[in-house]
Every structure is written in C-alpha cells, then in structure tokens.
Amino acid sequence: MHRVTDEIFYVIEGEYEVVCGDSRFKAQPGTLFVVPKKVFHRMRNVSTTNGRVLVTLVPGGFQKFFEDADGVANPDKLAEIAQRQDIELLPPNA
C-alpha cells in the first residue's frame, strides 16, 4: 500500500492474479488497471511464461526505492527502506 502514490499497471506479457482491496481478478496482456493510494494490493504472475508489466506511479520519485534497495538482501533493512519510500508491506499471507 502507498499512502501518497497512485499506481497504473499495464500488463504486457504473462497472466497475473491481482488482489486490489476487496477485488480479486486475473490480468492478461492488454489489461490496464489503476490502484489508488491507500488501497492494499498485490499481484503475482500465474502463467508459465515470464511476465512484463509497465507501471506508472503518480506522483513521481518512486525510483528512489529501487536505488536504495539495490543489493539489499536483509528483509528487515528492505522493510525499513520501503517504509521510507511510501510502501507499507503486509505479511505474506495477509
């Protein structure tokens, strides 16, 4: 979940299982969907092929998360970086 960032997803390759708030759906190539700020979400490639998704984040600046997280393997450190960059992580089975 992001407190100040909206996300726009466009599926290029693969098939994804998407959970967005109370909604659950499959997203195939050509699917476009928007996740507003403050809505918990996750997506997982459920196809047997590689997946590619184009993601646009508004407002910009989210690339800082990827810069700070590059090479970080420690989950606690990664969670700390995520929190600083407007990402609230849920436990894996939530």
PDB file of N, CA and C in Angstrom:
ATOM      1  N   MET A   1       0.845  -1.177   0.000  1.00  0.00           N
ATOM      2  CA  MET A   1       0.000   0.000   0.000  1.00  0.00           C
ATOM      3  C   MET A   1       0.887   1.236   0.000  1.00  0.00           C
ATOM      4  N   HIS A   2       0.413   2.255  -0.650  1.00  0.00           N
ATOM      5  CA  HIS A   2       1.122   3.529  -0.675  1.00  0.00           C
ATOM      6  C   HIS A   2       0.182   4.602  -0.137  1.00  0.00           C
ATOM      7  N   ARG A   3       0.691   5.432   0.722  1.00  0.00           N
ATOM      8  CA  ARG A   3      -0.150   6.476   1.315  1.00  0.00           C
ATOM      9  C   ARG A   3      -0.341   7.685   0.398  1.00  0.00           C
ATOM     10  N   VAL A   4       0.641   7.978  -0.453  1.00  0.00           N
ATOM     11  CA  VAL A   4       0.538   9.170  -1.305  1.00  0.00           C
ATOM     12  C   VAL A   4       0.704   8.871  -2.795  1.00  0.00           C
ATOM     13  N   THR A   5       0.903   7.616  -3.154  1.00  0.00           N
ATOM     14  CA  THR A   5       1.204   7.271  -4.545  1.00  0.00           C
ATOM     15  C   THR A   5       0.090   6.435  -5.161  1.00  0.00           C
ATOM     16  N   ASP A   6      -0.402   6.870  -6.329  1.00  0.00           N
ATOM     17  CA  ASP A   6      -1.323   6.074  -7.137  1.00  0.00           C
ATOM     18  C   ASP A   6      -0.486   5.275  -8.126  1.00  0.00           C
ATOM     19  N   GLU A   7      -0.960   4.077  -8.508  1.00  0.00           N
ATOM     20  CA  GLU A   7      -0.239   3.254  -9.476  1.00  0.00           C
ATOM     21  C   GLU A   7      -1.145   2.880 -10.635  1.00  0.00           C
ATOM     22  N   ILE A   8      -0.563   2.876 -11.821  1.00  0.00           N
ATOM     23  CA  ILE A   8      -1.255   2.444 -13.026  1.00  0.00           C
ATOM     24  C   ILE A   8      -0.453   1.278 -13.592  1.00  0.00           C
ATOM     25  N   PHE A   9      -1.116   0.135 -13.794  1.00  0.00           N
ATOM     26  CA  PHE A   9      -0.465  -1.068 -14.293  1.00  0.00           C
ATOM     27  C   PHE A   9      -0.985  -1.395 -15.687  1.00  0.00           C
ATOM     28  N   TYR A  10      -0.090  -1.760 -16.589  1.00  0.00           N
ATOM     29  CA  TYR A  10      -0.458  -2.241 -17.921  1.00  0.00           C
ATOM     30  C   TYR A  10       0.295  -3.548 -18.145  1.00  0.00           C
ATOM     31  N   VAL A  11      -0.438  -4.645 -18.290  1.00  0.00           N
ATOM     32  CA  VAL A  11       0.172  -5.963 -18.464  1.00  0.00           C
ATOM     33  C   VAL A  11       0.604  -6.124 -19.916  1.00  0.00           C
ATOM     34  N   ILE A  12       1.900  -6.380 -20.100  1.00  0.00           N
ATOM     35  CA  ILE A  12       2.471  -6.579 -21.439  1.00  0.00           C
ATOM     36  C   ILE A  12       2.566  -8.067 -21.766  1.00  0.00           C
ATOM     37  N   GLU A  13       3.084  -8.855 -20.819  1.00  0.00           N
ATOM     38  CA  GLU A  13       3.228 -10.300 -21.013  1.00  0.00           C
ATOM     39  C   GLU A  13       2.870 -11.012 -19.722  1.00  0.00           C
ATOM     40  N   GLY A  14       2.376 -12.238 -19.842  1.00  0.00           N
ATOM     41  CA  GLY A  14       2.049 -13.047 -18.677  1.00  0.00           C
ATOM     42  C   GLY A  14       0.610 -12.844 -18.252  1.00  0.00           C
ATOM     43  N   GLU A  15       0.209 -13.655 -17.291  1.00  0.00           N
ATOM     44  CA  GLU A  15      -1.118 -13.529 -16.695  1.00  0.00           C
ATOM     45  C   GLU A  15      -0.916 -13.380 -15.199  1.00  0.00           C
ATOM     46  N   TYR A  16      -1.566 -12.407 -14.629  1.00  0.00           N
ATOM     47  CA  TYR A  16      -1.366 -12.070 -13.222  1.00  0.00           C
ATOM     48  C   TYR A  16      -2.640 -12.266 -12.429  1.00  0.00           C
ATOM     49  N   GLU A  17      -2.466 -12.767 -11.214  1.00  0.00           N
ATOM     50  CA  GLU A  17      -3.538 -12.769 -10.233  1.00  0.00           C
ATOM     51  C   GLU A  17      -3.360 -11.476  -9.439  1.00  0.00           C
ATOM     52  N   VAL A  18      -4.389 -10.657  -9.416  1.00  0.00           N
ATOM     53  CA  VAL A  18      -4.314  -9.347  -8.776  1.00  0.00           C
ATOM     54  C   VAL A  18      -5.305  -9.293  -7.621  1.00  0.00           C
ATOM     55  N   VAL A  19      -4.838  -8.813  -6.499  1.00  0.00           N
ATOM     56  CA  VAL A  19      -5.707  -8.511  -5.366  1.00  0.00           C
ATOM     57  C   VAL A  19      -5.568  -7.018  -5.128  1.00  0.00           C
ATOM     58  N   CYS A  20      -6.692  -6.334  -5.166  1.00  0.00           N
ATOM     59  CA  CYS A  20      -6.705  -4.877  -5.012  1.00  0.00           C
ATOM     60  C   CYS A  20      -7.862  -4.529  -4.088  1.00  0.00           C
ATOM     61  N   GLY A  21      -7.537  -4.237  -2.835  1.00  0.00           N
ATOM     62  CA  GLY A  21      -8.601  -4.011  -1.861  1.00  0.00           C
ATOM     63  C   GLY A  21      -9.405  -5.284  -1.703  1.00  0.00           C
ATOM     64  N   ASP A  22     -10.724  -5.211  -1.888  1.00  0.00           N
ATOM     65  CA  ASP A  22     -11.604  -6.377  -1.780  1.00  0.00           C
ATOM     66  C   ASP A  22     -11.790  -7.099  -3.111  1.00  0.00           C
ATOM     67  N   SER A  23     -11.176  -6.600  -4.178  1.00  0.00           N
ATOM     68  CA  SER A  23     -11.330  -7.206  -5.508  1.00  0.00           C
ATOM     69  C   SER A  23     -10.197  -8.176  -5.804  1.00  0.00           C
ATOM     70  N   ARG A  24     -10.530  -9.230  -6.525  1.00  0.00           N
ATOM     71  CA  ARG A  24      -9.540 -10.210  -6.983  1.00  0.00           C
ATOM     72  C   ARG A  24      -9.879 -10.498  -8.445  1.00  0.00           C
ATOM     73  N   PHE A  25      -8.868 -10.416  -9.324  1.00  0.00           N
ATOM     74  CA  PHE A  25      -9.127 -10.663 -10.743  1.00  0.00           C
ATOM     75  C   PHE A  25      -7.858 -11.131 -11.435  1.00  0.00           C
ATOM     76  N   LYS A  26      -8.028 -11.659 -12.650  1.00  0.00           N
ATOM     77  CA  LYS A  26      -6.905 -12.060 -13.497  1.00  0.00           C
ATOM     78  C   LYS A  26      -6.649 -10.927 -14.484  1.00  0.00           C
ATOM     79  N   ALA A  27      -5.388 -10.625 -14.703  1.00  0.00           N
ATOM     80  CA  ALA A  27      -4.996  -9.575 -15.637  1.00  0.00           C
ATOM     81  C   ALA A  27      -4.116 -10.208 -16.709  1.00  0.00           C
ATOM     82  N   GLN A  28      -4.588 -10.181 -17.942  1.00  0.00           N
ATOM     83  CA  GLN A  28      -3.867 -10.741 -19.075  1.00  0.00           C
ATOM     84  C   GLN A  28      -3.266  -9.612 -19.905  1.00  0.00           C
ATOM     85  N   PRO A  29      -2.410  -9.936 -20.885  1.00  0.00           N
ATOM     86  CA  PRO A  29      -1.836  -8.880 -21.720  1.00  0.00           C
ATOM     87  C   PRO A  29      -2.921  -7.948 -22.273  1.00  0.00           C
ATOM     88  N   GLY A  30      -2.650  -6.664 -22.184  1.00  0.00           N
ATOM     89  CA  GLY A  30      -3.601  -5.650 -22.609  1.00  0.00           C
ATOM     90  C   GLY A  30      -4.455  -5.100 -21.486  1.00  0.00           C
ATOM     91  N   THR A  31      -4.385  -5.713 -20.316  1.00  0.00           N
ATOM     92  CA  THR A  31      -5.168  -5.237 -19.176  1.00  0.00           C
ATOM     93  C   THR A  31      -4.510  -4.007 -18.566  1.00  0.00           C
ATOM     94  N   LEU A  32      -5.318  -2.996 -18.329  1.00  0.00           N
ATOM     95  CA  LEU A  32      -4.879  -1.766 -17.664  1.00  0.00           C
ATOM     96  C   LEU A  32      -5.725  -1.618 -16.410  1.00  0.00           C
ATOM     97  N   PHE A  33      -5.078  -1.378 -15.274  1.00  0.00           N
ATOM     98  CA  PHE A  33      -5.843  -1.130 -14.061  1.00  0.00           C
ATOM     99  C   PHE A  33      -5.107  -0.125 -13.187  1.00  0.00           C
ATOM    100  N   VAL A  34      -5.891   0.567 -12.375  1.00  0.00           N
ATOM    101  CA  VAL A  34      -5.379   1.625 -11.507  1.00  0.00           C
ATOM    102  C   VAL A  34      -5.576   1.210 -10.054  1.00  0.00           C
ATOM    103  N   VAL A  35      -4.524   1.416  -9.260  1.00  0.00           N
ATOM    104  CA  VAL A  35      -4.610   1.178  -7.820  1.00  0.00           C
ATOM    105  C   VAL A  35      -4.443   2.533  -7.136  1.00  0.00           C
ATOM    106  N   PRO A  36      -5.522   3.050  -6.558  1.00  0.00           N
ATOM    107  CA  PRO A  36      -5.414   4.345  -5.880  1.00  0.00           C
ATOM    108  C   PRO A  36      -4.591   4.241  -4.598  1.00  0.00           C
ATOM    109  N   LYS A  37      -4.052   5.360  -4.192  1.00  0.00           N
ATOM    110  CA  LYS A  37      -3.331   5.390  -2.918  1.00  0.00           C
ATOM    111  C   LYS A  37      -4.244   4.887  -1.804  1.00  0.00           C
ATOM    112  N   LYS A  38      -3.619   4.345  -0.765  1.00  0.00           N
ATOM    113  CA  LYS A  38      -4.280   3.840   0.435  1.00  0.00           C
ATOM    114  C   LYS A  38      -5.097   2.563   0.210  1.00  0.00           C
ATOM    115  N   VAL A  39      -4.859   1.859  -0.912  1.00  0.00           N
ATOM    116  CA  VAL A  39      -5.524   0.586  -1.174  1.00  0.00           C
ATOM    117  C   VAL A  39      -4.456  -0.506  -1.193  1.00  0.00           C
ATOM    118  N   PHE A  40      -4.604  -1.509  -0.315  1.00  0.00           N
ATOM    119  CA  PHE A  40      -3.664  -2.616  -0.301  1.00  0.00           C
ATOM    120  C   PHE A  40      -3.801  -3.406  -1.591  1.00  0.00           C
ATOM    121  N   HIS A  41      -2.667  -3.856  -2.128  1.00  0.00           N
ATOM    122  CA  HIS A  41      -2.692  -4.601  -3.377  1.00  0.00           C
ATOM    123  C   HIS A  41      -1.479  -5.517  -3.489  1.00  0.00           C
ATOM    124  N   ARG A  42      -1.638  -6.532  -4.337  1.00  0.00           N
ATOM    125  CA  ARG A  42      -0.523  -7.402  -4.683  1.00  0.00           C
ATOM    126  C   ARG A  42      -0.854  -8.048  -6.016  1.00  0.00           C
ATOM    127  N   MET A  43       0.193  -8.476  -6.695  1.00  0.00           N
ATOM    128  CA  MET A  43      -0.014  -9.192  -7.948  1.00  0.00           C
ATOM    129  C   MET A  43       1.058 -10.255  -8.086  1.00  0.00           C
ATOM    130  N   ARG A  44       0.673 -11.352  -8.763  1.00  0.00           N
ATOM    131  CA  ARG A  44       1.580 -12.477  -8.906  1.00  0.00           C
ATOM    132  C   ARG A  44       1.400 -13.055 -10.299  1.00  0.00           C
ATOM    133  N   ASN A  45       2.515 -13.308 -10.981  1.00  0.00           N
ATOM    134  CA  ASN A  45       2.465 -13.930 -12.296  1.00  0.00           C
ATOM    135  C   ASN A  45       2.066 -15.388 -12.115  1.00  0.00           C
ATOM    136  N   VAL A  46       0.921 -15.775 -12.679  1.00  0.00           N
ATOM    137  CA  VAL A  46       0.442 -17.148 -12.552  1.00  0.00           C
ATOM    138  C   VAL A  46       0.567 -17.918 -13.862  1.00  0.00           C
ATOM    139  N   SER A  47       1.184 -17.321 -14.862  1.00  0.00           N
ATOM    140  CA  SER A  47       1.368 -18.011 -16.139  1.00  0.00           C
ATOM    141  C   SER A  47       2.655 -18.826 -16.106  1.00  0.00           C
ATOM    142  N   THR A  48       2.835 -19.642 -17.120  1.00  0.00           N
ATOM    143  CA  THR A  48       4.035 -20.473 -17.209  1.00  0.00           C
ATOM    144  C   THR A  48       5.151 -19.759 -17.961  1.00  0.00           C
ATOM    145  N   THR A  49       4.911 -18.523 -18.359  1.00  0.00           N
ATOM    146  CA  THR A  49       5.907 -17.734 -19.072  1.00  0.00           C
ATOM    147  C   THR A  49       6.338 -16.539 -18.227  1.00  0.00           C
ATOM    148  N   ASN A  50       7.375 -15.880 -18.663  1.00  0.00           N
ATOM    149  CA  ASN A  50       7.791 -14.650 -17.994  1.00  0.00           C
ATOM    150  C   ASN A  50       6.704 -13.599 -18.135  1.00  0.00           C
ATOM    151  N   GLY A  51       6.676 -12.695 -17.197  1.00  0.00           N
ATOM    152  CA  GLY A  51       5.714 -11.614 -17.254  1.00  0.00           C
ATOM    153  C   GLY A  51       6.409 -10.267 -17.354  1.00  0.00           C
ATOM    154  N   ARG A  52       5.732  -9.314 -17.965  1.00  0.00           N
ATOM    155  CA  ARG A  52       6.228  -7.937 -18.010  1.00  0.00           C
ATOM    156  C   ARG A  52       5.041  -7.011 -17.792  1.00  0.00           C
ATOM    157  N   VAL A  53       5.260  -6.016 -16.936  1.00  0.00           N
ATOM    158  CA  VAL A  53       4.220  -5.052 -16.606  1.00  0.00           C
ATOM    159  C   VAL A  53       4.836  -3.662 -16.645  1.00  0.00           C
ATOM    160  N   LEU A  54       4.153  -2.748 -17.281  1.00  0.00           N
ATOM    161  CA  LEU A  54       4.544  -1.345 -17.273  1.00  0.00           C
ATOM    162  C   LEU A  54       3.804  -0.685 -16.117  1.00  0.00           C
ATOM    163  N   VAL A  55       4.545  -0.037 -15.226  1.00  0.00           N
ATOM    164  CA  VAL A  55       3.947   0.583 -14.048  1.00  0.00           C
ATOM    165  C   VAL A  55       4.263   2.070 -14.057  1.00  0.00           C
ATOM    166  N   THR A  56       3.240   2.877 -13.878  1.00  0.00           N
ATOM    167  CA  THR A  56       3.396   4.323 -13.756  1.00  0.00           C
ATOM    168  C   THR A  56       2.960   4.719 -12.358  1.00  0.00           C
ATOM    169  N   LEU A  57       3.791   5.511 -11.687  1.00  0.00           N
ATOM    170  CA  LEU A  57       3.483   5.942 -10.330  1.00  0.00           C
ATOM    171  C   LEU A  57       3.342   7.458 -10.303  1.00  0.00           C
ATOM    172  N   VAL A  58       2.282   7.911  -9.627  1.00  0.00           N
ATOM    173  CA  VAL A  58       1.981   9.337  -9.547  1.00  0.00           C
ATOM    174  C   VAL A  58       1.761   9.703  -8.092  1.00  0.00           C
ATOM    175  N   PRO A  59       2.471  10.651  -7.535  1.00  0.00           N
ATOM    176  CA  PRO A  59       3.500  11.469  -8.169  1.00  0.00           C
ATOM    177  C   PRO A  59       4.796  10.684  -8.363  1.00  0.00           C
ATOM    178  N   GLY A  60       5.695  11.263  -9.123  1.00  0.00           N
ATOM    179  CA  GLY A  60       6.977  10.633  -9.407  1.00  0.00           C
ATOM    180  C   GLY A  60       7.891  10.610  -8.188  1.00  0.00           C
ATOM    181  N   GLY A  61       9.049   9.988  -8.364  1.00  0.00           N
ATOM    182  CA  GLY A  61      10.040   9.932  -7.298  1.00  0.00           C
ATOM    183  C   GLY A  61      10.201   8.554  -6.695  1.00  0.00           C
ATOM    184  N   PHE A  62       9.336   7.602  -7.112  1.00  0.00           N
ATOM    185  CA  PHE A  62       9.365   6.266  -6.528  1.00  0.00           C
ATOM    186  C   PHE A  62      10.642   5.502  -6.860  1.00  0.00           C
ATOM    187  N   GLN A  63      11.355   5.949  -7.896  1.00  0.00           N
ATOM    188  CA  GLN A  63      12.600   5.271  -8.276  1.00  0.00           C
ATOM    189  C   GLN A  63      13.604   5.264  -7.130  1.00  0.00           C
ATOM    190  N   LYS A  64      13.448   6.154  -6.174  1.00  0.00           N
ATOM    191  CA  LYS A  64      14.346   6.210  -5.014  1.00  0.00           C
ATOM    192  C   LYS A  64      14.306   4.894  -4.239  1.00  0.00           C
ATOM    193  N   PHE A  65      13.139   4.242  -4.194  1.00  0.00           N
ATOM    194  CA  PHE A  65      13.054   2.944  -3.524  1.00  0.00           C
ATOM    195  C   PHE A  65      14.003   1.947  -4.181  1.00  0.00           C
ATOM    196  N   PHE A  66      13.973   1.868  -5.511  1.00  0.00           N
ATOM    197  CA  PHE A  66      14.813   0.909  -6.221  1.00  0.00           C
ATOM    198  C   PHE A  66      16.295   1.242  -6.069  1.00  0.00           C
ATOM    199  N   GLU A  67      16.614   2.515  -6.058  1.00  0.00           N
ATOM    200  CA  GLU A  67      18.007   2.927  -5.851  1.00  0.00           C
ATOM    201  C   GLU A  67      18.491   2.499  -4.458  1.00  0.00           C
ATOM    202  N   ASP A  68      17.678   2.750  -3.441  1.00  0.00           N
ATOM    203  CA  ASP A  68      18.067   2.432  -2.068  1.00  0.00           C
ATOM    204  C   ASP A  68      18.057   0.927  -1.793  1.00  0.00           C
ATOM    205  N   ALA A  69      17.171   0.176  -2.468  1.00  0.00           N
ATOM    206  CA  ALA A  69      17.022  -1.253  -2.201  1.00  0.00           C
ATOM    207  C   ALA A  69      17.965  -2.120  -3.038  1.00  0.00           C
ATOM    208  N   ASP A  70      18.639  -1.532  -3.997  1.00  0.00           N
ATOM    209  CA  ASP A  70      19.527  -2.300  -4.875  1.00  0.00           C
ATOM    210  C   ASP A  70      20.571  -3.054  -4.064  1.00  0.00           C
ATOM    211  N   GLY A  71      20.580  -4.383  -4.172  1.00  0.00           N
ATOM    212  CA  GLY A  71      21.561  -5.206  -3.494  1.00  0.00           C
ATOM    213  C   GLY A  71      21.251  -5.527  -2.046  1.00  0.00           C
ATOM    214  N   VAL A  72      20.150  -5.028  -1.509  1.00  0.00           N
ATOM    215  CA  VAL A  72      19.797  -5.280  -0.105  1.00  0.00           C
ATOM    216  C   VAL A  72      19.106  -6.639  -0.008  1.00  0.00           C
ATOM    217  N   ALA A  73      19.687  -7.548   0.784  1.00  0.00           N
ATOM    218  CA  ALA A  73      19.119  -8.892   0.956  1.00  0.00           C
ATOM    219  C   ALA A  73      18.423  -9.061   2.303  1.00  0.00           C
ATOM    220  N   ASN A  74      18.753  -8.227   3.259  1.00  0.00           N
ATOM    221  CA  ASN A  74      18.187  -8.339   4.600  1.00  0.00           C
ATOM    222  C   ASN A  74      16.727  -7.863   4.583  1.00  0.00           C
ATOM    223  N   PRO A  75      15.761  -8.756   4.905  1.00  0.00           N
ATOM    224  CA  PRO A  75      14.346  -8.365   4.858  1.00  0.00           C
ATOM    225  C   PRO A  75      13.988  -7.202   5.781  1.00  0.00           C
ATOM    226  N   ASP A  76      14.615  -7.131   6.945  1.00  0.00           N
ATOM    227  CA  ASP A  76      14.325  -6.027   7.863  1.00  0.00           C
ATOM    228  C   ASP A  76      14.798  -4.697   7.295  1.00  0.00           C
ATOM    229  N   LYS A  77      15.973  -4.697   6.697  1.00  0.00           N
ATOM    230  CA  LYS A  77      16.510  -3.485   6.066  1.00  0.00           C
ATOM    231  C   LYS A  77      15.640  -3.080   4.877  1.00  0.00           C
ATOM    232  N   LEU A  78      15.195  -4.073   4.095  1.00  0.00           N
ATOM    233  CA  LEU A  78      14.334  -3.790   2.956  1.00  0.00           C
ATOM    234  C   LEU A  78      13.006  -3.180   3.413  1.00  0.00           C
ATOM    235  N   ALA A  79      12.449  -3.695   4.494  1.00  0.00           N
ATOM    236  CA  ALA A  79      11.204  -3.147   5.035  1.00  0.00           C
ATOM    237  C   ALA A  79      11.395  -1.712   5.508  1.00  0.00           C
ATOM    238  N   GLU A  80      12.549  -1.430   6.089  1.00  0.00           N
ATOM    239  CA  GLU A  80      12.862  -0.067   6.535  1.00  0.00           C
ATOM    240  C   GLU A  80      12.944   0.878   5.339  1.00  0.00           C
ATOM    241  N   ILE A  81      13.607   0.452   4.282  1.00  0.00           N
ATOM    242  CA  ILE A  81      13.711   1.265   3.059  1.00  0.00           C
ATOM    243  C   ILE A  81      12.322   1.483   2.470  1.00  0.00           C
ATOM    244  N   ALA A  82      11.532   0.424   2.423  1.00  0.00           N
ATOM    245  CA  ALA A  82      10.183   0.518   1.856  1.00  0.00           C
ATOM    246  C   ALA A  82       9.342   1.541   2.611  1.00  0.00           C
ATOM    247  N   GLN A  83       9.401   1.491   3.918  1.00  0.00           N
ATOM    248  CA  GLN A  83       8.609   2.425   4.727  1.00  0.00           C
ATOM    249  C   GLN A  83       9.003   3.878   4.441  1.00  0.00           C
ATOM    250  N   ARG A  84      10.295   4.122   4.261  1.00  0.00           N
ATOM    251  CA  ARG A  84      10.751   5.489   3.947  1.00  0.00           C
ATOM    252  C   ARG A  84      10.267   5.952   2.583  1.00  0.00           C
ATOM    253  N   GLN A  85       9.949   5.015   1.695  1.00  0.00           N
ATOM    254  CA  GLN A  85       9.586   5.362   0.322  1.00  0.00           C
ATOM    255  C   GLN A  85       8.102   5.120   0.026  1.00  0.00           C
ATOM    256  N   ASP A  86       7.250   5.281   1.025  1.00  0.00           N
ATOM    257  CA  ASP A  86       5.799   5.222   0.839  1.00  0.00           C
ATOM    258  C   ASP A  86       5.296   3.815   0.493  1.00  0.00           C
ATOM    259  N   ILE A  87       5.919   2.789   1.064  1.00  0.00           N
ATOM    260  CA  ILE A  87       5.448   1.413   0.864  1.00  0.00           C
ATOM    261  C   ILE A  87       5.156   0.818   2.227  1.00  0.00           C
ATOM    262  N   GLU A  88       3.924   0.371   2.405  1.00  0.00           N
ATOM    263  CA  GLU A  88       3.579  -0.350   3.623  1.00  0.00           C
ATOM    264  C   GLU A  88       3.419  -1.810   3.242  1.00  0.00           C
ATOM    265  N   LEU A  89       4.282  -2.676   3.782  1.00  0.00           N
ATOM    266  CA  LEU A  89       4.266  -4.097   3.447  1.00  0.00           C
ATOM    267  C   LEU A  89       3.339  -4.860   4.375  1.00  0.00           C
ATOM    268  N   LEU A  90       2.662  -5.839   3.815  1.00  0.00           N
ATOM    269  CA  LEU A  90       1.823  -6.740   4.596  1.00  0.00           C
ATOM    270  C   LEU A  90       2.533  -8.069   4.768  1.00  0.00           C
ATOM    271  N   PRO A  91       2.186  -8.839   5.788  1.00  0.00           N
ATOM    272  CA  PRO A  91       2.749 -10.182   5.893  1.00  0.00           C
ATOM    273  C   PRO A  91       2.374 -10.988   4.635  1.00  0.00           C
ATOM    274  N   PRO A  92       3.187 -11.995   4.258  1.00  0.00           N
ATOM    275  CA  PRO A  92       2.956 -12.734   3.019  1.00  0.00           C
ATOM    276  C   PRO A  92       1.567 -13.335   2.869  1.00  0.00           C
ATOM    277  N   ASN A  93       0.938 -13.759   3.933  1.00  0.00           N
ATOM    278  CA  ASN A  93      -0.372 -14.414   3.826  1.00  0.00           C
ATOM    279  C   ASN A  93      -1.540 -13.512   4.139  1.00  0.00           C
ATOM    280  N   ALA A  94      -1.306 -12.223   4.222  1.00  0.00           N
ATOM    281  CA  ALA A  94      -2.394 -11.295   4.556  1.00  0.00           C
ATOM    282  C   ALA A  94      -3.304 -11.069   3.375  1.00  0.00           C
TER     283      ALA A  94
END
